[in-house]
Amino acid sequence: MLSKRVIACLDVRDGKLAKSVKFVDTKDIGDPVEKARQYYDGGLDELVFYDITASSDKRKIMLDVVEAVAKEVFIPLSVGGGVGSVSDATDLRLAGAEKINVNSQAVKRPALISECAEAIGSQNVVLSMDIRAVPASGQCPSGYEIVINGGRTPMGMDALAWAREGERLGAGELVVNSIDADGTGDGYELKLTRMIAHAVRIPVIASGGAGVPEHLHEVLTEGAADAALVASMVHYGDYSVSGLKEYLYGRGLKIRMSW
């Protein structure tokens, strides 16, 4: 059995660490480079960096910030935001990213996934999906819809079908980000995460809603996730990365520990 992972997410806007609730009311809360180093020192397994307005602003990711973060951490760094071509992916790899996250541009042009997988390897291509619950319909039989452009544009696409298609096209991992749970601290969307994890063979990262350590345990067990992504609970200092990993280890999960 592979070890379960704890991943911290840096949402970056205009070079500053930002946080929202359900993708709205976004506030600047600190320095992403400083936080990256703090989490690395705490034993973090992986770091995710999202330039959250790159797609909506129709611009490239801020490579200088990516480079600054990459210099502070020696764990896998996964970067996303506005990636629309193999050239974009290559630029991010040269800036220090190990994995490339595709999201909005892949929904608009699914071939982007297979192009990046061929160029840099499937294991380095992550399909990030922003998802909200909707009434089940012919368009969205699972009851979950894909939304792009930082939660601004609903696509009428079924999330479960898109997860399967992303795997088929060559994505090596999926990030399942619940818009409804994002920033609430009420827990991950277990039904959504479990549904997708059971439908694909690639690792699934649960995102959105973590508030207390028990939420991580729930999504890594009941939610069938391979990794739990955290943001607010560590950004605001309520919990430390090392404390979360010690808690999960104490609950019997296979966790990479630094001791």
Protein backbone atom coordinates (compact mmCIF):
# COMPACT_ATOMS: atom_id res chain seq x y z
CA MET A 1 0.00 0.00 0.00
CA LEU A 2 1.30 3.46 -0.92
CA SER A 3 1.70 6.03 1.83
CA LYS A 4 -1.06 8.61 2.16
CA ARG A 5 0.12 12.14 1.47
CA VAL A 6 -0.48 15.51 3.09
CA ILE A 7 -0.28 18.32 0.53
CA ALA A 8 -0.42 22.06 1.23
CA CYS A 9 -1.94 24.40 -1.31
CA LEU A 10 -0.66 27.90 -2.00
CA ASP A 11 -3.29 29.95 -3.84
CA VAL A 12 -1.39 32.94 -5.16
CA ARG A 13 -2.85 36.20 -6.46
CA ASP A 14 -0.60 39.06 -7.61
CA GLY A 15 2.37 37.36 -5.97
CA LYS A 16 0.69 37.08 -2.55
CA LEU A 17 -0.79 34.09 -0.72
CA ALA A 18 -4.59 34.30 -0.89
CA LYS A 19 -7.56 32.42 0.52
CA SER A 20 -11.24 32.39 -0.31
CA VAL A 21 -14.45 30.73 0.85
CA LYS A 22 -16.31 28.87 -1.90
CA PHE A 23 -14.07 30.70 -4.43
CA VAL A 24 -15.32 34.18 -3.41
CA ASP A 25 -14.32 36.85 -0.88
CA THR A 26 -10.63 36.24 -1.61
CA LYS A 27 -8.19 37.86 0.84
CA ASP A 28 -4.41 38.24 0.82
CA ILE A 29 -2.98 36.44 3.84
CA GLY A 30 0.80 36.34 3.54
CA ASP A 31 3.98 35.50 1.67
CA PRO A 32 3.86 32.24 -0.34
CA VAL A 33 7.63 31.79 -0.25
CA GLU A 34 7.77 32.06 3.55
CA LYS A 35 4.89 29.60 3.94
CA ALA A 36 6.45 27.15 1.49
CA ARG A 37 9.62 26.99 3.56
CA GLN A 38 7.65 26.62 6.79
CA TYR A 39 5.65 23.69 5.47
CA TYR A 40 8.72 22.02 3.98
CA ASP A 41 10.48 22.24 7.33
CA GLY A 42 7.39 20.67 8.93
CA GLY A 43 7.66 17.51 6.81
CA LEU A 44 5.16 18.28 4.04
CA ASP A 45 4.93 15.57 1.36
CA GLU A 46 4.12 17.82 -1.57
CA LEU A 47 3.33 21.45 -2.35
CA VAL A 48 0.73 22.74 -4.82
CA PHE A 49 0.98 26.27 -6.20
CA TYR A 50 -2.01 27.76 -8.01
CA ASP A 51 -1.92 31.16 -9.74
CA ILE A 52 -5.65 31.59 -9.17
CA THR A 53 -6.30 34.44 -11.60
CA ALA A 54 -4.07 33.42 -14.51
CA SER A 55 -6.88 31.79 -16.49
CA SER A 56 -9.53 34.43 -15.80
CA ASP A 57 -7.01 37.20 -16.57
CA LYS A 58 -5.87 35.30 -19.69
CA ARG A 59 -2.17 35.56 -18.83
CA LYS A 60 0.81 33.34 -18.05
CA ILE A 61 1.72 32.14 -14.57
CA MET A 62 4.13 34.38 -12.64
CA LEU A 63 7.31 32.34 -13.16
CA ASP A 64 9.36 34.49 -10.80
CA VAL A 65 7.16 33.49 -7.86
CA VAL A 66 7.30 29.83 -8.88
CA GLU A 67 11.09 30.03 -9.04
CA ALA A 68 11.26 31.65 -5.59
CA VAL A 69 9.09 28.93 -4.06
CA ALA A 70 11.01 26.15 -5.83
CA LYS A 71 14.27 27.37 -4.28
CA GLU A 72 12.82 26.88 -0.79
CA VAL A 73 11.45 23.33 -1.03
CA PHE A 74 12.97 19.98 -1.95
CA ILE A 75 9.76 17.99 -2.30
CA PRO A 76 7.49 17.60 -5.33
CA LEU A 77 6.14 21.01 -6.42
CA SER A 78 2.98 20.97 -8.50
CA VAL A 79 2.03 24.20 -10.30
CA GLY A 80 -1.09 25.30 -12.13
CA GLY A 81 -2.97 28.31 -13.40
CA GLY A 82 -3.42 29.24 -17.05
CA VAL A 83 -1.44 26.30 -18.47
CA GLY A 84 -2.58 26.04 -22.07
CA SER A 85 0.28 24.46 -24.02
CA VAL A 86 3.30 22.19 -23.83
CA SER A 87 5.39 25.38 -23.97
CA ASP A 88 3.71 26.63 -20.78
CA ALA A 89 4.36 23.28 -19.11
CA THR A 90 8.01 23.34 -20.18
CA ASP A 91 8.46 26.87 -18.83
CA LEU A 92 7.10 25.78 -15.46
CA ARG A 93 9.36 22.73 -15.37
CA LEU A 94 12.36 24.96 -16.07
CA ALA A 95 11.20 27.25 -13.24
CA GLY A 96 11.34 24.34 -10.80
CA ALA A 97 7.94 22.64 -10.97
CA GLU A 98 7.96 18.84 -10.99
CA LYS A 99 4.27 18.42 -11.82
CA ILE A 100 2.03 20.56 -14.00
CA ASN A 101 -1.63 21.15 -13.15
CA VAL A 102 -4.07 21.68 -16.00
CA ASN A 103 -7.63 22.80 -15.40
CA SER A 104 -9.63 25.37 -17.35
CA GLN A 105 -7.61 25.16 -20.57
CA ALA A 106 -7.89 21.36 -20.56
CA VAL A 107 -11.68 21.59 -20.31
CA LYS A 108 -11.69 23.91 -23.32
CA ARG A 109 -9.22 21.75 -25.24
CA PRO A 110 -8.91 18.21 -23.82
CA ALA A 111 -6.04 17.31 -26.17
CA LEU A 112 -3.86 19.48 -23.91
CA ILE A 113 -3.74 16.60 -21.41
CA SER A 114 -2.40 14.06 -23.88
CA GLU A 115 0.02 16.60 -25.38
CA CYS A 116 1.53 17.37 -21.99
CA ALA A 117 1.58 13.70 -20.99
CA GLU A 118 3.52 12.83 -24.13
CA ALA A 119 5.95 15.71 -23.61
CA ILE A 120 6.71 15.45 -19.88
CA GLY A 121 5.24 12.09 -18.82
CA SER A 122 1.81 11.20 -17.44
CA GLN A 123 3.19 11.03 -13.90
CA ASN A 124 3.92 14.76 -14.13
CA VAL A 125 0.50 15.83 -15.44
CA VAL A 126 -2.23 16.54 -12.89
CA LEU A 127 -5.82 17.24 -13.92
CA SER A 128 -7.30 19.65 -11.40
CA MET A 129 -11.09 19.80 -11.36
CA ASP A 130 -13.21 22.50 -9.68
CA ILE A 131 -16.59 20.93 -8.98
CA ARG A 132 -19.93 21.99 -7.56
CA ALA A 133 -23.03 19.98 -6.69
CA VAL A 134 -26.02 20.42 -9.00
CA PRO A 135 -29.34 18.61 -9.46
CA ALA A 136 -28.72 15.39 -11.39
CA SER A 137 -29.65 15.78 -15.05
CA GLY A 138 -28.95 14.36 -18.47
CA GLN A 139 -25.94 16.65 -18.76
CA CYS A 140 -24.68 15.92 -15.24
CA PRO A 141 -26.02 12.51 -14.21
CA SER A 142 -23.59 12.29 -11.27
CA GLY A 143 -25.03 15.46 -9.72
CA TYR A 144 -21.66 17.22 -9.95
CA GLU A 145 -20.63 19.83 -12.53
CA ILE A 146 -17.26 21.10 -13.74
CA VAL A 147 -16.68 24.84 -13.29
CA ILE A 148 -13.71 26.71 -14.79
CA ASN A 149 -11.97 30.09 -14.62
CA GLY A 150 -11.55 30.03 -10.85
CA GLY A 151 -15.14 29.03 -10.16
CA ARG A 152 -16.62 31.67 -12.45
CA THR A 153 -17.84 29.66 -15.45
CA PRO A 154 -20.09 26.56 -15.11
CA MET A 155 -19.61 24.22 -18.05
CA GLY A 156 -22.57 21.84 -17.90
CA MET A 157 -20.04 18.96 -17.88
CA ASP A 158 -20.42 15.93 -15.67
CA ALA A 159 -17.52 15.73 -13.21
CA LEU A 160 -17.41 11.94 -13.09
CA ALA A 161 -17.31 11.65 -16.89
CA TRP A 162 -14.57 14.29 -17.06
CA ALA A 163 -12.47 12.47 -14.43
CA ARG A 164 -12.62 9.28 -16.48
CA GLU A 165 -11.82 11.14 -19.69
CA GLY A 166 -8.88 12.87 -18.03
CA GLU A 167 -7.45 9.52 -17.02
CA ARG A 168 -7.97 8.16 -20.53
CA LEU A 169 -6.15 11.14 -22.05
CA GLY A 170 -3.11 10.58 -19.87
CA ALA A 171 -3.43 12.49 -16.61
CA GLY A 172 -1.37 10.85 -13.87
CA GLU A 173 -3.34 12.28 -10.93
CA LEU A 174 -6.62 14.07 -10.25
CA VAL A 175 -7.30 16.93 -7.85
CA VAL A 176 -10.95 16.84 -6.79
CA ASN A 177 -11.73 20.32 -5.48
CA SER A 178 -15.20 20.89 -4.07
CA ILE A 179 -16.31 24.48 -4.56
CA ASP A 180 -19.14 23.95 -2.06
CA ALA A 181 -16.70 22.89 0.68
CA ASP A 182 -13.84 25.26 -0.19
CA GLY A 183 -12.67 27.32 2.79
CA THR A 184 -15.59 26.31 5.01
CA GLY A 185 -13.64 24.12 7.45
CA ASP A 186 -16.65 21.78 7.58
CA GLY A 187 -14.89 18.79 6.03
CA TYR A 188 -14.20 17.40 2.59
CA GLU A 189 -16.97 16.39 0.18
CA LEU A 190 -16.67 12.67 0.93
CA LYS A 191 -19.36 11.48 -1.48
CA LEU A 192 -17.76 13.31 -4.42
CA THR A 193 -14.23 12.23 -3.60
CA ARG A 194 -15.19 8.58 -3.05
CA MET A 195 -17.24 8.46 -6.26
CA ILE A 196 -14.32 9.65 -8.38
CA ALA A 197 -11.67 7.62 -6.52
CA HIS A 198 -13.65 4.44 -7.15
CA ALA A 199 -14.10 5.30 -10.85
CA VAL A 200 -10.43 5.78 -11.79
CA ARG A 201 -7.15 3.93 -11.30
CA ILE A 202 -4.92 6.97 -10.83
CA PRO A 203 -4.31 8.75 -7.50
CA VAL A 204 -6.98 11.17 -6.30
CA ILE A 205 -6.17 14.25 -4.20
CA ALA A 206 -9.06 15.56 -2.10
CA SER A 207 -9.33 19.33 -1.87
CA GLY A 208 -11.68 21.77 -0.17
CA GLY A 209 -13.11 21.86 3.33
CA ALA A 210 -10.44 20.64 5.75
CA GLY A 211 -10.91 22.20 9.18
CA VAL A 212 -9.70 19.70 11.78
CA PRO A 213 -7.36 16.67 11.65
CA GLU A 214 -10.29 14.24 11.70
CA HIS A 215 -11.38 15.58 8.31
CA LEU A 216 -8.11 14.37 6.78
CA HIS A 217 -8.55 10.92 8.31
CA GLU A 218 -12.12 10.74 6.98
CA VAL A 219 -11.23 11.61 3.41
CA LEU A 220 -8.21 9.28 3.34
CA THR A 221 -10.33 6.38 4.60
CA GLU A 222 -14.07 6.86 3.96
CA GLY A 223 -13.39 9.16 1.00
CA ALA A 224 -10.87 6.72 -0.55
CA ALA A 225 -8.49 9.58 -1.40
CA ASP A 226 -4.77 9.00 -1.86
CA ALA A 227 -3.84 12.44 -0.57
CA ALA A 228 -5.44 15.26 1.41
CA LEU A 229 -4.86 18.87 0.42
CA VAL A 230 -4.93 21.50 3.18
CA ALA A 231 -4.84 25.28 3.11
CA SER A 232 -6.64 27.45 5.69
CA MET A 233 -6.00 25.14 8.64
CA VAL A 234 -2.24 25.52 8.23
CA HIS A 235 -2.13 29.01 6.69
CA TYR A 236 -3.80 30.56 9.75
CA GLY A 237 -1.65 28.60 12.19
CA ASP A 238 -4.44 26.50 13.70
CA TYR A 239 -2.49 23.32 12.91
CA SER A 240 1.02 22.42 11.77
CA VAL A 241 1.96 20.04 8.98
CA SER A 242 3.96 17.90 11.40
CA GLY A 243 1.05 17.78 13.83
CA LEU A 244 -1.36 16.64 11.11
CA LYS A 245 0.99 13.88 9.99
CA GLU A 246 1.57 12.70 13.55
CA TYR A 247 -2.21 12.56 14.08
CA LEU A 248 -2.75 10.48 10.94
CA TYR A 249 0.15 8.18 11.82
CA GLY A 250 -1.33 7.72 15.28
CA ARG A 251 -4.65 6.74 13.72
CA GLY A 252 -2.92 3.89 11.90
CA LEU A 253 -2.50 5.34 8.42
CA LYS A 254 0.65 4.71 6.43
CA ILE A 255 2.31 8.14 6.48
CA ARG A 256 5.83 9.25 5.57
CA MET A 257 7.34 10.58 8.78
CA SER A 258 10.57 12.55 9.13
CA TRP A 259 11.69 10.59 12.16
